[in-house]
Protein backbone atom coordinates (compact mmCIF):
# COMPACT_ATOMS: atom_id res chain seq x y z
CA MET A 1 -138.54 -153.44 43.90
CA SER A 2 -135.37 -152.90 41.86
CA THR A 3 -132.83 -155.68 41.54
CA ILE A 4 -129.81 -155.50 43.81
CA LYS A 5 -126.71 -155.70 41.62
CA ASP A 6 -123.74 -157.83 42.64
CA VAL A 7 -121.29 -155.08 41.77
CA VAL A 8 -121.56 -151.58 40.38
CA MET A 9 -118.42 -150.08 38.87
CA VAL A 10 -118.23 -146.32 38.84
CA GLY A 11 -116.36 -145.40 35.68
CA ALA A 12 -115.64 -147.35 32.49
CA GLY A 13 -111.96 -146.76 31.92
CA PRO A 14 -109.32 -149.50 31.48
CA SER A 15 -109.28 -150.42 35.18
CA ALA A 16 -113.04 -150.92 35.47
CA LEU A 17 -113.29 -152.69 32.10
CA ALA A 18 -110.53 -155.11 33.09
CA ALA A 19 -112.23 -155.74 36.43
CA ALA A 20 -115.51 -156.38 34.62
CA VAL A 21 -113.89 -159.07 32.47
CA TYR A 22 -112.92 -160.91 35.66
CA THR A 23 -116.20 -160.46 37.55
CA THR A 24 -118.47 -161.37 34.65
CA ARG A 25 -116.47 -164.51 33.90
CA GLU A 26 -117.23 -165.51 37.50
CA ASP A 27 -120.96 -164.95 36.81
CA ILE A 28 -121.00 -161.88 39.03
CA ASN A 29 -123.73 -159.49 37.85
CA THR A 30 -121.78 -156.38 36.82
CA THR A 31 -122.91 -152.91 35.76
CA LEU A 32 -120.58 -150.05 34.86
CA TYR A 33 -121.68 -146.42 34.88
CA GLU A 34 -119.71 -143.89 32.86
CA LYS A 35 -120.54 -140.19 32.69
CA ALA A 36 -118.16 -139.20 29.89
CA THR A 37 -116.15 -141.42 27.53
CA ILE A 38 -115.94 -145.21 27.70
CA GLY A 39 -112.24 -145.91 28.02
CA GLY A 40 -111.58 -142.71 29.99
CA LEU A 41 -108.45 -140.69 29.28
CA ALA A 42 -106.96 -143.66 27.45
CA ALA A 43 -109.70 -143.50 24.81
CA ILE A 44 -108.83 -139.93 23.85
CA THR A 45 -105.09 -140.57 23.62
CA ASP A 46 -103.91 -140.53 20.03
CA LEU A 47 -101.47 -143.46 20.30
CA VAL A 48 -100.73 -145.76 23.23
CA ASP A 49 -97.19 -146.94 22.59
CA ASN A 50 -96.28 -148.54 25.93
CA TYR A 51 -99.14 -150.99 26.55
CA PRO A 52 -97.80 -154.58 26.50
CA GLY A 53 -98.84 -156.77 23.61
CA PHE A 54 -99.01 -154.15 20.85
CA ALA A 55 -95.58 -154.04 19.20
CA GLU A 56 -96.54 -151.16 16.90
CA GLY A 57 -98.66 -149.35 19.47
CA ILE A 58 -102.43 -148.96 19.38
CA SER A 59 -104.73 -145.96 19.26
CA GLY A 60 -106.39 -145.16 22.55
CA MET A 61 -109.83 -145.49 20.98
CA GLN A 62 -109.01 -148.94 19.60
CA LEU A 63 -107.71 -150.13 22.95
CA ALA A 64 -110.81 -148.82 24.72
CA SER A 65 -113.08 -150.49 22.14
CA GLN A 66 -111.32 -153.83 22.56
CA LEU A 67 -111.58 -153.64 26.37
CA GLN A 68 -115.27 -152.71 26.11
CA ALA A 69 -116.04 -155.51 23.65
CA GLN A 70 -114.29 -158.06 25.85
CA ALA A 71 -116.17 -157.00 28.98
CA GLU A 72 -119.50 -156.99 27.13
CA ARG A 73 -118.78 -160.40 25.58
CA PHE A 74 -118.80 -161.89 29.07
CA GLY A 75 -122.00 -160.08 30.03
CA ALA A 76 -121.02 -156.73 31.54
CA THR A 77 -123.63 -153.97 31.24
CA ILE A 78 -122.23 -150.53 30.45
CA ASP A 79 -124.58 -147.59 30.94
CA PHE A 80 -124.09 -143.84 30.86
CA GLY A 81 -124.86 -142.27 34.19
CA ASP A 82 -123.52 -139.70 36.64
CA ILE A 83 -123.08 -140.87 40.24
CA SER A 84 -123.60 -138.01 42.67
CA ALA A 85 -123.55 -139.83 46.03
CA ILE A 86 -122.86 -143.17 47.67
CA ARG A 87 -123.78 -144.51 51.10
CA ARG A 88 -123.85 -147.82 52.93
CA ASP A 89 -127.24 -149.15 54.02
CA GLY A 90 -126.93 -152.34 56.07
CA ASN A 91 -125.20 -154.96 53.93
CA GLU A 92 -125.94 -153.01 50.76
CA ILE A 93 -124.62 -149.86 49.11
CA GLU A 94 -126.86 -147.24 47.59
CA LEU A 95 -125.65 -145.04 44.76
CA ILE A 96 -127.50 -142.08 43.32
CA VAL A 97 -127.28 -142.38 39.55
CA ASP A 98 -128.74 -139.49 37.57
CA GLY A 99 -130.86 -138.68 40.60
CA GLU A 100 -132.21 -142.21 41.02
CA PRO A 101 -131.15 -144.80 43.66
CA VAL A 102 -129.31 -147.94 42.56
CA ARG A 103 -128.49 -150.64 45.09
CA ALA A 104 -125.54 -153.02 44.98
CA LYS A 105 -123.79 -155.54 47.18
CA SER A 106 -120.39 -154.11 46.26
CA VAL A 107 -118.92 -151.13 44.40
CA LEU A 108 -115.69 -150.51 42.52
CA VAL A 109 -114.65 -146.87 42.29
CA ALA A 110 -112.57 -146.52 39.12
CA THR A 111 -113.35 -142.95 38.10
CA GLY A 112 -109.73 -142.01 37.47
CA SER A 113 -108.21 -138.58 37.71
CA ASP A 114 -108.37 -135.78 35.22
CA TYR A 115 -105.42 -133.59 34.31
CA LYS A 116 -105.65 -130.03 35.53
CA LYS A 117 -105.93 -127.84 32.48
CA LEU A 118 -104.53 -124.45 31.63
CA GLY A 119 -107.88 -123.49 30.15
CA ILE A 120 -106.37 -121.56 27.25
CA PRO A 121 -107.22 -121.55 23.52
CA GLY A 122 -105.67 -124.44 21.60
CA GLU A 123 -105.30 -126.73 24.60
CA ALA A 124 -108.45 -128.83 24.33
CA GLU A 125 -108.51 -128.77 20.52
CA TYR A 126 -105.05 -130.31 20.25
CA TYR A 127 -105.13 -132.76 23.12
CA GLY A 128 -103.13 -135.81 22.02
CA ARG A 129 -102.04 -134.01 18.82
CA GLY A 130 -99.43 -131.65 20.18
CA VAL A 131 -100.74 -131.06 23.70
CA HIS A 132 -99.98 -133.78 26.24
CA TYR A 133 -100.14 -134.55 29.95
CA CYS A 134 -97.98 -137.69 30.18
CA ALA A 135 -94.26 -137.70 29.29
CA THR A 136 -93.79 -141.47 29.55
CA CYS A 137 -96.80 -141.99 27.28
CA ASP A 138 -96.02 -139.46 24.57
CA GLY A 139 -92.46 -138.19 24.97
CA ALA A 140 -91.00 -140.61 22.42
CA PHE A 141 -93.02 -138.94 19.65
CA TYR A 142 -90.79 -135.88 20.00
CA ARG A 143 -87.36 -137.22 19.20
CA GLU A 144 -85.13 -134.41 17.96
CA LYS A 145 -87.95 -131.91 18.49
CA ARG A 146 -88.29 -128.79 20.62
CA LEU A 147 -90.81 -128.79 23.50
CA VAL A 148 -92.51 -126.51 25.98
CA VAL A 149 -93.21 -127.92 29.44
CA VAL A 150 -95.62 -125.99 31.69
CA GLY A 151 -95.38 -126.26 35.48
CA GLY A 152 -92.96 -125.80 38.34
CA GLY A 153 -93.73 -128.57 40.82
CA ASN A 154 -92.19 -132.00 41.28
CA SER A 155 -94.07 -133.58 38.37
CA ALA A 156 -93.19 -130.82 35.92
CA VAL A 157 -89.49 -130.93 36.78
CA GLN A 158 -89.33 -134.73 36.78
CA GLU A 159 -91.12 -134.97 33.44
CA ALA A 160 -89.03 -132.19 31.88
CA ILE A 161 -85.87 -134.05 32.87
CA PHE A 162 -87.31 -137.28 31.46
CA LEU A 163 -88.18 -135.57 28.17
CA THR A 164 -84.58 -134.45 27.63
CA ARG A 165 -83.75 -137.97 26.46
CA PHE A 166 -85.84 -137.30 23.35
CA THR A 167 -85.83 -133.57 22.67
CA THR A 168 -83.31 -131.06 21.39
CA HIS A 169 -84.41 -128.40 23.88
CA ILE A 170 -87.10 -127.71 26.48
CA ASP A 171 -88.51 -124.36 27.56
CA LEU A 172 -89.88 -124.82 31.08
CA LEU A 173 -92.60 -122.23 31.70
CA VAL A 174 -93.27 -121.58 35.40
CA ARG A 175 -96.12 -119.34 36.54
CA SER A 176 -94.33 -118.16 39.68
CA THR A 177 -91.26 -119.96 41.04
CA ILE A 178 -89.94 -123.53 41.00
CA LYS A 179 -91.66 -125.41 43.82
CA ALA A 180 -90.04 -128.81 43.24
CA SER A 181 -87.99 -130.45 45.97
CA GLU A 182 -84.39 -129.34 46.55
CA VAL A 183 -83.14 -132.65 45.16
CA LEU A 184 -85.07 -132.18 41.93
CA GLN A 185 -84.03 -128.56 41.63
CA HIS A 186 -80.40 -129.63 41.95
CA GLU A 187 -80.94 -132.24 39.24
CA LEU A 188 -82.71 -129.70 37.04
CA GLN A 189 -79.76 -127.33 37.29
CA LYS A 190 -77.52 -129.92 35.62
CA PHE A 191 -79.72 -129.87 32.53
CA VAL A 192 -79.95 -126.08 32.61
CA ASP A 193 -76.15 -125.88 32.72
CA GLU A 194 -75.92 -128.28 29.77
CA GLY A 195 -78.29 -126.08 27.77
CA LYS A 196 -80.96 -128.76 27.48
CA ILE A 197 -83.57 -126.91 29.56
CA THR A 198 -84.23 -123.19 29.85
CA VAL A 199 -86.33 -122.11 32.84
CA HIS A 200 -88.64 -119.11 32.40
CA LEU A 201 -90.12 -117.78 35.66
CA GLY A 202 -93.23 -115.66 36.03
CA VAL A 203 -94.67 -116.89 32.74
CA ALA A 204 -98.43 -117.43 32.30
CA PRO A 205 -99.32 -119.15 29.00
CA ASP A 206 -102.42 -117.69 27.36
CA GLU A 207 -102.62 -119.47 23.99
CA ILE A 208 -101.30 -122.51 22.15
CA VAL A 209 -100.90 -121.44 18.54
CA THR A 210 -101.16 -123.81 15.59
CA GLU A 211 -100.39 -123.62 11.89
CA ASP A 212 -101.13 -126.23 9.23
CA ASN A 213 -102.94 -128.31 11.87
CA LYS A 214 -99.93 -128.62 14.18
CA VAL A 215 -98.66 -126.83 17.27
CA VAL A 216 -96.00 -124.21 16.52
CA ARG A 217 -95.71 -121.96 19.58
CA VAL A 218 -96.98 -120.93 22.99
CA ASP A 219 -97.90 -117.30 23.60
CA ALA A 220 -97.68 -116.06 27.18
CA MET A 221 -97.46 -113.06 29.46
CA GLN A 222 -94.33 -112.27 31.45
CA ASN A 223 -94.15 -109.13 33.56
CA SER A 224 -97.08 -107.66 31.60
CA GLU A 225 -95.28 -108.26 28.32
CA LYS A 226 -96.21 -110.65 25.54
CA VAL A 227 -93.68 -113.44 24.95
CA SER A 228 -93.69 -116.43 22.58
CA TYR A 229 -91.93 -119.79 22.59
CA GLU A 230 -91.53 -121.83 19.42
CA THR A 231 -92.27 -125.51 19.95
CA ASP A 232 -93.30 -128.77 18.34
CA GLY A 233 -95.39 -129.83 21.33
CA VAL A 234 -96.60 -128.81 24.77
CA PHE A 235 -96.57 -130.91 27.93
CA VAL A 236 -98.68 -129.61 30.81
CA PHE A 237 -97.91 -130.73 34.37
CA ILE A 238 -99.86 -128.53 36.75
CA GLY A 239 -101.40 -131.35 38.79
CA LEU A 240 -104.21 -133.89 38.73
CA LYS A 241 -107.79 -133.53 39.85
CA PRO A 242 -109.23 -136.83 41.16
CA ASN A 243 -112.80 -137.58 40.11
CA THR A 244 -113.96 -138.14 43.68
CA ALA A 245 -116.37 -135.29 44.42
CA PHE A 246 -119.24 -137.79 44.73
CA LEU A 247 -117.45 -139.49 47.65
CA GLU A 248 -117.41 -136.43 49.87
CA GLY A 249 -119.19 -137.20 53.13
CA SER A 250 -119.63 -140.87 52.23
CA GLY A 251 -117.17 -142.31 54.74
CA VAL A 252 -114.75 -143.41 52.01
CA GLU A 253 -111.41 -141.97 53.13
CA LEU A 254 -109.45 -139.79 50.71
CA ASP A 255 -105.86 -138.59 50.91
CA GLU A 256 -104.77 -134.96 51.02
CA VAL A 257 -105.25 -134.46 47.27
CA GLY A 258 -108.55 -136.32 47.05
CA LEU A 259 -107.39 -139.76 45.90
CA VAL A 260 -109.05 -142.83 47.43
CA LYS A 261 -107.12 -144.62 50.14
CA THR A 262 -107.08 -148.44 49.95
CA ASP A 263 -105.35 -151.40 51.54
CA SER A 264 -103.34 -154.03 49.66
CA LYS A 265 -106.56 -155.73 48.51
CA LEU A 266 -107.84 -152.41 47.17
CA ARG A 267 -110.52 -152.19 49.87
CA THR A 268 -111.54 -148.69 50.95
CA THR A 269 -112.64 -147.64 54.43
CA MET A 270 -116.27 -148.42 53.52
CA PRO A 271 -116.97 -152.18 53.61
CA GLY A 272 -117.91 -153.45 50.17
CA VAL A 273 -116.38 -150.50 48.35
CA PHE A 274 -113.12 -150.98 46.43
CA ALA A 275 -110.99 -148.65 44.31
CA SER A 276 -108.53 -149.18 41.47
CA GLY A 277 -106.65 -147.29 38.78
CA ASP A 278 -105.76 -143.61 38.64
CA VAL A 279 -108.30 -142.62 41.31
CA ARG A 280 -106.45 -144.64 43.94
CA SER A 281 -103.87 -143.11 46.25
CA GLY A 282 -100.48 -144.53 45.29
CA ALA A 283 -101.42 -145.40 41.71
CA THR A 284 -98.72 -145.09 39.04
CA MET A 285 -101.07 -143.43 36.52
CA GLN A 286 -100.29 -145.94 33.76
CA ILE A 287 -102.82 -147.92 31.72
CA ALA A 288 -101.01 -151.22 32.27
CA SER A 289 -101.00 -150.86 36.05
CA ALA A 290 -104.62 -149.67 36.08
CA VAL A 291 -105.64 -152.83 34.23
CA GLY A 292 -103.68 -154.95 36.72
CA GLU A 293 -105.35 -153.21 39.64
CA GLY A 294 -108.72 -153.86 38.03
CA ALA A 295 -107.99 -157.58 38.05
CA THR A 296 -106.85 -157.43 41.69
CA ALA A 297 -109.98 -155.51 42.68
CA ALA A 298 -112.20 -158.04 40.90
CA LEU A 299 -110.68 -160.92 42.85
CA SER A 300 -111.13 -159.01 46.10
CA ILE A 301 -114.75 -158.29 45.19
CA ARG A 302 -115.38 -161.98 44.52
CA GLU A 303 -113.91 -162.82 47.92
CA TYR A 304 -116.08 -160.17 49.60
CA LEU A 305 -119.27 -161.42 47.91
CA GLU A 306 -118.49 -164.99 48.96
CA GLU A 307 -118.09 -163.88 52.56
CA LEU A 308 -121.30 -161.87 52.34
CA ALA A 309 -123.19 -164.93 51.07
CA ARG A 310 -122.04 -166.96 54.07
CA LYS A 311 -123.47 -164.47 56.57
């Protein structure tokens, strides 16, 4: 019979790796399953400039490697595996990992969210090197540069306004119409009037063009005509897609966009299952806060396992 693990962590991004440091130091048997890249989105970010403790910034890959090494030093096991389902069975939780059952006393869901993509040529190839999805993370790299921002919802408008503190000009490309709140639209108009942002409606980007290994323009269609926008970088804000498909039908409650609902101790609606980081409803989508939530989740897991042992 297979060993019942103390805790299985679904995902191996910063939140799960931080949680694993705490659980393993408490001698809690900890296994992390990652289906893509250890370190998650952070690992494929060119430079992380706003994580405390690194005065000159640190590459995403370096930060992920350090987090991984620290967790493994205390005894965490990190395996590659795709979780397709999760269910509670008595006092235990069963996960289906690559088609095989794995049983655990507790589970931390830290699968994060993925940025919705445009799906156009040049986007994936230049992720982190001219194509970005986080203004607070990467906006400062574009001081005195020209940018294209894609999107027309609250996030796109908020981030475009934020980026004006760095850039010389922003072309805001909107597929249909601005769908941001009235308050944000009013705020946006101030920057339009000042000439800092130009809004282009009915624009569908179809290629991010590069020259000499750097982004130079975005080609798009507008009213069946080809249009181009010169730029030094592209920020895409068309929404997030939570990595929570495996939770459908499990009894773990999700919010309206698919993020995991938790209480203040990061407990989900399924006893023994916790969530932290970008997959959690209400998360700030920052590496520093994801790491903090990982620590909080680990302490809650320890408390849960102690209560379970007393039963």
